[in-house]
Protein backbone atom coordinates (compact mmCIF):
# COMPACT_ATOMS: atom_id res chain seq x y z
CA MET A 1 19.81 -39.17 20.90
CA ALA A 2 18.01 -36.34 18.95
CA LYS A 3 20.01 -34.73 16.10
CA VAL A 4 20.07 -30.96 16.06
CA ILE A 5 19.19 -29.84 12.80
CA ALA A 6 20.66 -26.28 11.79
CA LYS A 7 18.15 -23.62 10.49
CA GLU A 8 18.91 -22.66 6.94
CA GLU A 9 19.38 -18.87 7.07
CA ASN A 10 16.09 -17.22 6.10
CA HIS A 11 16.72 -14.71 3.42
CA PHE A 12 13.02 -13.65 3.65
CA LYS A 13 12.78 -13.08 7.20
CA ASP A 14 10.37 -9.96 7.02
CA SER A 15 7.95 -11.83 4.63
CA TRP A 16 5.48 -11.74 7.26
CA MET A 17 5.12 -8.02 6.24
CA ILE A 18 3.90 -8.83 2.93
CA ARG A 19 0.05 -8.67 2.72
CA PRO A 20 -2.11 -10.93 0.38
CA CYS A 21 -2.14 -9.51 -3.26
CA GLU A 22 -5.68 -8.73 -3.08
CA ILE A 23 -5.28 -6.08 -0.29
CA TYR A 24 -2.89 -4.11 -2.38
CA LEU A 25 -5.38 -4.12 -5.23
CA ASP A 26 -8.01 -2.98 -2.82
CA GLU A 27 -5.83 -0.16 -1.25
CA TYR A 28 -5.22 0.98 -4.89
CA LYS A 29 -8.76 0.79 -5.88
CA GLU A 30 -9.77 2.65 -2.74
CA CYS A 31 -7.28 5.29 -3.35
CA LYS A 32 -8.42 6.06 -6.88
CA HIS A 33 -12.28 6.06 -5.90
CA LEU A 34 -14.08 9.48 -6.40
CA ARG A 35 -15.02 9.50 -2.80
CA SER A 36 -11.20 8.91 -1.62
CA ARG A 37 -10.10 11.88 -4.32
CA PHE A 38 -12.78 14.12 -2.79
CA HIS A 39 -11.33 13.09 0.65
CA GLN A 40 -7.72 13.65 -0.32
CA TYR A 41 -8.48 17.10 -1.85
CA PHE A 42 -10.24 18.07 1.44
CA ILE A 43 -7.71 16.74 3.96
CA HIS A 44 -4.42 17.23 1.79
CA GLY A 45 -5.48 19.87 -0.67
CA HIS A 46 -4.40 17.83 -3.61
CA LYS A 47 -4.88 14.08 -5.04
CA ILE A 48 -2.19 11.55 -3.56
CA ASP A 49 -0.31 9.56 -5.79
CA CYS A 50 -1.65 6.00 -5.93
CA SER A 51 0.92 4.30 -7.93
CA SER A 52 2.66 3.09 -4.98
CA TRP A 53 -0.32 0.44 -4.28
CA GLN A 54 -0.41 -0.42 -7.82
CA LYS A 55 3.41 -1.06 -7.86
CA ASP A 56 2.93 -3.04 -4.61
CA PHE A 57 0.47 -5.14 -6.41
CA HIS A 58 2.57 -5.65 -9.40
CA TYR A 59 5.52 -6.75 -6.90
CA CYS A 60 3.46 -9.01 -5.04
CA LYS A 61 2.05 -10.87 -7.90
CA ILE A 62 5.88 -11.41 -8.88
CA TRP A 63 6.67 -12.36 -5.51
CA GLU A 64 3.91 -14.84 -5.19
CA GLU A 65 4.91 -16.73 -8.50
CA ASN A 66 8.60 -17.05 -8.02
CA GLN A 67 9.64 -15.70 -4.66
CA SER A 68 11.86 -12.97 -6.71
CA LYS A 69 14.46 -11.12 -4.15
CA GLU A 70 13.69 -7.89 -6.14
CA ALA A 71 9.97 -8.03 -5.59
CA TYR A 72 10.61 -8.83 -1.76
CA GLU A 73 12.75 -5.89 -1.31
CA ALA A 74 10.55 -3.74 -3.01
CA LEU A 75 7.51 -4.92 -1.13
CA ILE A 76 9.49 -4.63 2.38
CA THR A 77 10.76 -1.06 1.56
CA SER A 78 7.22 -0.08 0.45
CA GLU A 79 5.65 -1.69 3.59
CA ASN A 80 8.13 0.54 5.86
CA GLU A 81 7.10 3.67 3.96
CA HIS A 82 3.69 2.94 4.49
CA ARG A 83 4.26 2.05 8.23
CA MET A 84 6.35 5.33 8.85
CA ASN A 85 3.65 7.28 6.78
CA ARG A 86 1.00 5.96 9.16
CA LEU A 87 2.74 6.57 12.32
CA LYS A 88 4.35 10.14 11.29
CA GLY A 89 1.67 11.84 13.37
CA HIS A 90 2.46 9.62 16.67
CA ILE A 91 6.14 9.78 16.29
CA GLY A 92 6.17 13.48 15.73
CA ASN A 93 3.87 14.28 18.57
CA LYS A 94 5.78 16.41 21.18
CA VAL A 95 2.90 17.32 23.21
CA TRP A 96 2.72 14.05 25.20
CA GLU A 97 5.81 12.72 27.23
CA ARG A 98 6.20 9.17 26.59
CA ARG A 99 6.32 6.47 29.31
CA ASN A 100 8.44 3.39 29.48
CA LYS A 101 6.30 1.81 32.25
CA PRO A 102 2.76 2.39 33.71
CA PRO A 103 2.12 4.78 36.93
CA GLU A 104 2.96 3.17 40.09
CA ASP A 105 -0.38 3.57 41.24
CA TRP A 106 -2.40 2.69 38.25
CA ASN A 107 -4.41 -0.13 39.88
CA SER A 108 -5.17 1.90 43.08
CA PRO A 109 -8.80 1.94 44.27
CA LEU A 110 -11.13 4.77 42.75
CA PRO A 111 -11.77 7.89 44.87
CA GLU A 112 -15.01 7.35 47.21
CA TRP A 113 -16.88 10.11 45.28
CA MET A 114 -16.13 8.37 42.14
CA GLU A 115 -17.47 4.83 43.30
CA GLU A 116 -20.69 6.61 44.60
CA LYS A 117 -21.12 8.21 41.23
CA PHE A 118 -20.66 4.89 39.13
CA LYS A 119 -22.67 2.77 41.66
CA ASP A 120 -25.80 3.26 39.70
CA SER A 121 -23.99 3.11 36.09
CA TYR A 122 -25.01 0.72 33.22
CA LEU A 123 -21.55 -0.68 33.47
CA GLU A 124 -22.11 -1.71 37.37
CA LYS A 125 -25.51 -3.05 36.77
CA MET A 126 -24.15 -5.39 33.91
CA LYS A 127 -21.32 -6.57 36.14
CA ASN A 128 -24.09 -7.37 39.01
CA LYS A 129 -26.13 -9.18 36.49
CA GLU A 130 -23.18 -11.33 35.44
CA ILE A 131 -22.56 -12.21 39.14
CA GLN A 132 -26.01 -13.05 39.61
CA GLU A 133 -26.22 -15.43 36.48
CA LYS A 134 -22.96 -17.09 37.84
CA ILE A 135 -24.22 -17.58 41.27
CA GLU A 136 -27.47 -19.17 40.01
CA SER A 137 -25.64 -21.22 37.51
CA LEU A 138 -23.38 -22.62 40.23
CA LYS A 139 -26.59 -23.18 42.25
CA TYR A 140 -28.24 -25.06 39.70
CA GLU A 141 -24.96 -27.32 39.04
CA GLY A 142 -24.89 -28.08 42.82
CA GLN A 143 -28.46 -29.33 42.57
CA MET A 144 -27.56 -31.91 39.91
């Protein structure tokens, strides 16, 4: 009979969110780059504070060296902040109504006029070419 071994409680359950340290360094360098500074000024009207990427790199190094709980918590908090900043426009969008499931007729056939219009499209030609190649390869395999 097989023994069931209880899993240890994982104190670092969100460690998958922590990126490799080189990425934090690259983000910091990119943020400080002259081209990025120009873009920041053009989009936001001012330079963005890049110190969070530098702190993330510092904490990442500590995390890599000794799995420090303080470094872990700082990185996870920072990653959540970066994620929320990235999704701010999506979450704040009140123009579109969000769906919980696809429309009932999402897979219905296209209208006849649309099928006629796309009959000579590049996509249709590529699909026909792939079908012909498959038929030829099946014929070739059948002869051997």
